[in-house]
N, C-alpha and C. Protein backbone atom coordinates (compact mmCIF):
# COMPACT_ATOMS: atom_id res chain seq x y z
N MET A 1 91.22 -1.47 40.48
CA MET A 1 90.49 -2.18 39.60
C MET A 1 91.58 -3.12 39.15
N ALA A 2 90.92 -4.88 39.30
CA ALA A 2 91.37 -6.52 38.90
C ALA A 2 91.58 -6.00 37.82
N ASN A 3 92.43 -6.90 37.37
CA ASN A 3 93.01 -7.06 36.03
C ASN A 3 91.83 -8.32 35.23
N VAL A 4 91.78 -8.71 34.62
CA VAL A 4 90.89 -8.92 34.19
C VAL A 4 90.80 -11.00 34.43
N ARG A 5 91.83 -11.33 34.97
CA ARG A 5 92.26 -12.87 35.21
C ARG A 5 91.85 -12.18 36.22
N GLU A 6 92.42 -11.55 37.17
CA GLU A 6 91.09 -11.80 38.35
C GLU A 6 89.95 -12.17 38.57
N MET A 7 89.16 -11.13 37.80
CA MET A 7 87.86 -10.86 37.67
C MET A 7 87.15 -12.29 37.13
N VAL A 8 87.65 -12.93 36.30
CA VAL A 8 87.27 -13.91 35.79
C VAL A 8 87.56 -15.36 37.24
N ASN A 9 88.48 -15.50 37.14
CA ASN A 9 88.68 -16.22 38.81
C ASN A 9 87.78 -16.19 39.55
N THR A 10 87.17 -14.73 39.61
CA THR A 10 86.39 -14.39 41.01
C THR A 10 84.75 -15.31 40.71
N HIS A 11 83.98 -14.89 39.96
CA HIS A 11 83.33 -15.03 38.58
C HIS A 11 83.04 -16.91 38.12
N LEU A 12 83.69 -17.14 37.73
CA LEU A 12 83.67 -18.44 37.10
C LEU A 12 83.24 -19.16 38.22
N PRO A 13 83.55 -19.08 38.49
CA PRO A 13 83.05 -21.20 40.22
C PRO A 13 81.25 -20.53 39.77
N VAL A 14 81.21 -18.68 40.24
CA VAL A 14 79.37 -18.82 40.60
C VAL A 14 79.02 -19.11 39.17
N ALA A 15 79.14 -18.40 38.00
CA ALA A 15 79.24 -19.26 36.19
C ALA A 15 78.12 -20.44 36.56
N LEU A 16 79.87 -21.29 36.20
CA LEU A 16 79.77 -22.58 36.80
C LEU A 16 78.90 -23.00 36.69
N LYS A 17 78.12 -22.61 38.95
CA LYS A 17 77.74 -23.19 39.50
C LYS A 17 75.94 -23.40 39.42
N LEU A 18 75.66 -22.48 38.21
CA LEU A 18 74.82 -21.45 37.78
C LEU A 18 74.58 -22.58 36.64
N ILE A 19 74.97 -22.61 35.73
CA ILE A 19 75.04 -23.54 34.68
C ILE A 19 74.94 -24.70 35.29
N ASN A 20 75.61 -25.39 36.31
CA ASN A 20 75.32 -26.89 36.23
C ASN A 20 73.92 -27.16 36.58
N SER A 21 73.11 -25.50 37.58
CA SER A 21 72.39 -26.13 38.56
C SER A 21 70.79 -26.51 37.53
N ALA A 22 70.98 -25.53 35.95
CA ALA A 22 70.25 -24.80 34.97
C ALA A 22 70.24 -26.61 34.11
N ALA A 23 71.70 -27.33 33.81
CA ALA A 23 71.55 -28.79 33.25
C ALA A 23 70.92 -29.10 33.80
N LEU A 24 71.40 -29.63 35.33
CA LEU A 24 70.21 -30.33 36.20
C LEU A 24 68.81 -30.25 35.94
N VAL A 25 67.21 -29.23 36.65
CA VAL A 25 66.92 -28.63 35.97
C VAL A 25 66.60 -29.64 34.99
N ALA A 26 66.84 -28.88 33.54
CA ALA A 26 66.48 -29.88 32.36
C ALA A 26 66.64 -30.76 32.46
N ILE A 27 67.35 -31.40 32.78
CA ILE A 27 67.69 -32.62 32.90
C ILE A 27 66.29 -33.90 33.68
N ALA A 28 66.08 -32.68 34.91
CA ALA A 28 65.17 -33.62 35.94
C ALA A 28 63.35 -33.39 34.92
N LEU A 29 63.40 -32.34 33.95
CA LEU A 29 62.54 -32.13 33.29
C LEU A 29 62.23 -31.95 32.33
N SER A 30 63.44 -32.46 31.64
CA SER A 30 62.91 -34.46 30.13
C SER A 30 62.74 -35.35 31.91
N THR A 31 63.54 -35.91 31.80
CA THR A 31 63.14 -36.78 32.56
C THR A 31 61.52 -37.32 32.36
N LEU A 32 60.95 -36.17 33.56
CA LEU A 32 58.99 -35.92 33.70
C LEU A 32 58.96 -36.31 32.62
N CYS A 33 58.71 -36.00 31.37
CA CYS A 33 58.03 -36.38 29.97
C CYS A 33 58.29 -36.63 29.21
N ALA A 34 59.47 -37.61 29.83
CA ALA A 34 59.73 -39.10 28.39
C ALA A 34 59.17 -39.87 29.82
N ALA A 35 58.68 -39.90 31.39
CA ALA A 35 58.39 -40.60 31.52
C ALA A 35 57.04 -40.38 30.97
N GLY A 36 55.57 -39.29 30.85
CA GLY A 36 55.02 -38.93 30.88
C GLY A 36 54.47 -40.19 30.03
N SER A 37 54.98 -39.67 29.08
CA SER A 37 55.23 -40.68 27.10
C SER A 37 55.33 -41.92 27.23
N LEU A 38 56.63 -42.25 28.04
CA LEU A 38 56.17 -44.01 28.36
C LEU A 38 55.03 -44.23 28.23
N ARG A 39 55.00 -44.26 30.02
CA ARG A 39 52.85 -43.76 29.93
C ARG A 39 52.26 -44.06 29.34
N GLU A 40 52.33 -42.89 28.42
CA GLU A 40 51.12 -42.65 27.16
C GLU A 40 51.05 -44.10 26.42
N MET A 41 52.22 -43.73 26.35
CA MET A 41 52.20 -45.33 24.79
C MET A 41 52.52 -46.10 25.37
N SER A 42 52.28 -46.82 26.52
CA SER A 42 52.35 -48.46 27.69
C SER A 42 51.02 -48.88 27.40
N GLY A 43 49.92 -47.84 27.44
CA GLY A 43 48.48 -47.66 27.75
C GLY A 43 48.70 -47.41 29.60
N ARG A 44 48.68 -47.07 30.18
CA ARG A 44 48.73 -47.22 31.39
C ARG A 44 48.57 -45.99 32.40
N SER A 45 48.21 -45.05 30.62
CA SER A 45 47.50 -43.93 31.69
C SER A 45 45.92 -44.00 31.55
N ALA A 46 45.24 -43.09 32.58
CA ALA A 46 43.95 -43.42 32.30
C ALA A 46 43.12 -43.17 30.26
N ALA A 47 42.27 -44.23 31.16
CA ALA A 47 41.30 -43.82 29.12
C ALA A 47 40.66 -42.77 29.37
N PRO A 48 40.22 -42.28 28.35
CA PRO A 48 40.17 -41.16 27.47
C PRO A 48 38.36 -41.70 28.05
N ALA A 49 37.36 -39.94 28.59
CA ALA A 49 37.11 -40.45 28.72
C ALA A 49 35.49 -40.60 27.67
N ALA A 50 35.74 -40.59 26.68
CA ALA A 50 34.63 -41.11 25.25
C ALA A 50 34.25 -42.46 25.93
N VAL A 51 36.00 -43.45 26.12
CA VAL A 51 36.13 -44.68 25.89
C VAL A 51 35.37 -45.09 27.72
N THR A 52 35.17 -44.70 28.77
CA THR A 52 34.77 -44.75 29.35
C THR A 52 33.57 -44.69 29.68
N GLU A 53 32.92 -43.84 28.71
CA GLU A 53 31.58 -43.71 28.86
C GLU A 53 30.87 -44.61 27.41
N ALA A 54 31.32 -45.38 26.96
CA ALA A 54 30.94 -46.02 26.54
C ALA A 54 30.52 -48.03 27.48
N ASP A 55 31.91 -47.49 28.39
CA ASP A 55 31.42 -49.53 29.09
C ASP A 55 30.09 -49.17 29.71
C-alpha cells in the first residue's frame, strides 16, 4: 500500500487540471452572460414584439 504522500502526488495534478478546466468554463459562461447583459443595456438587442407591432 502506498503512503499518503505518494497518493497525493499521484492524484494532485489530475485534481488541479479538473479545477482549472471548471474555472475556465465558469469564466466563459460568465463572459457570455455579461456580453448579453451589456448588449441589452446598450439597446442593441431585438425590439420587443409590442414595440415592433406598434410601429
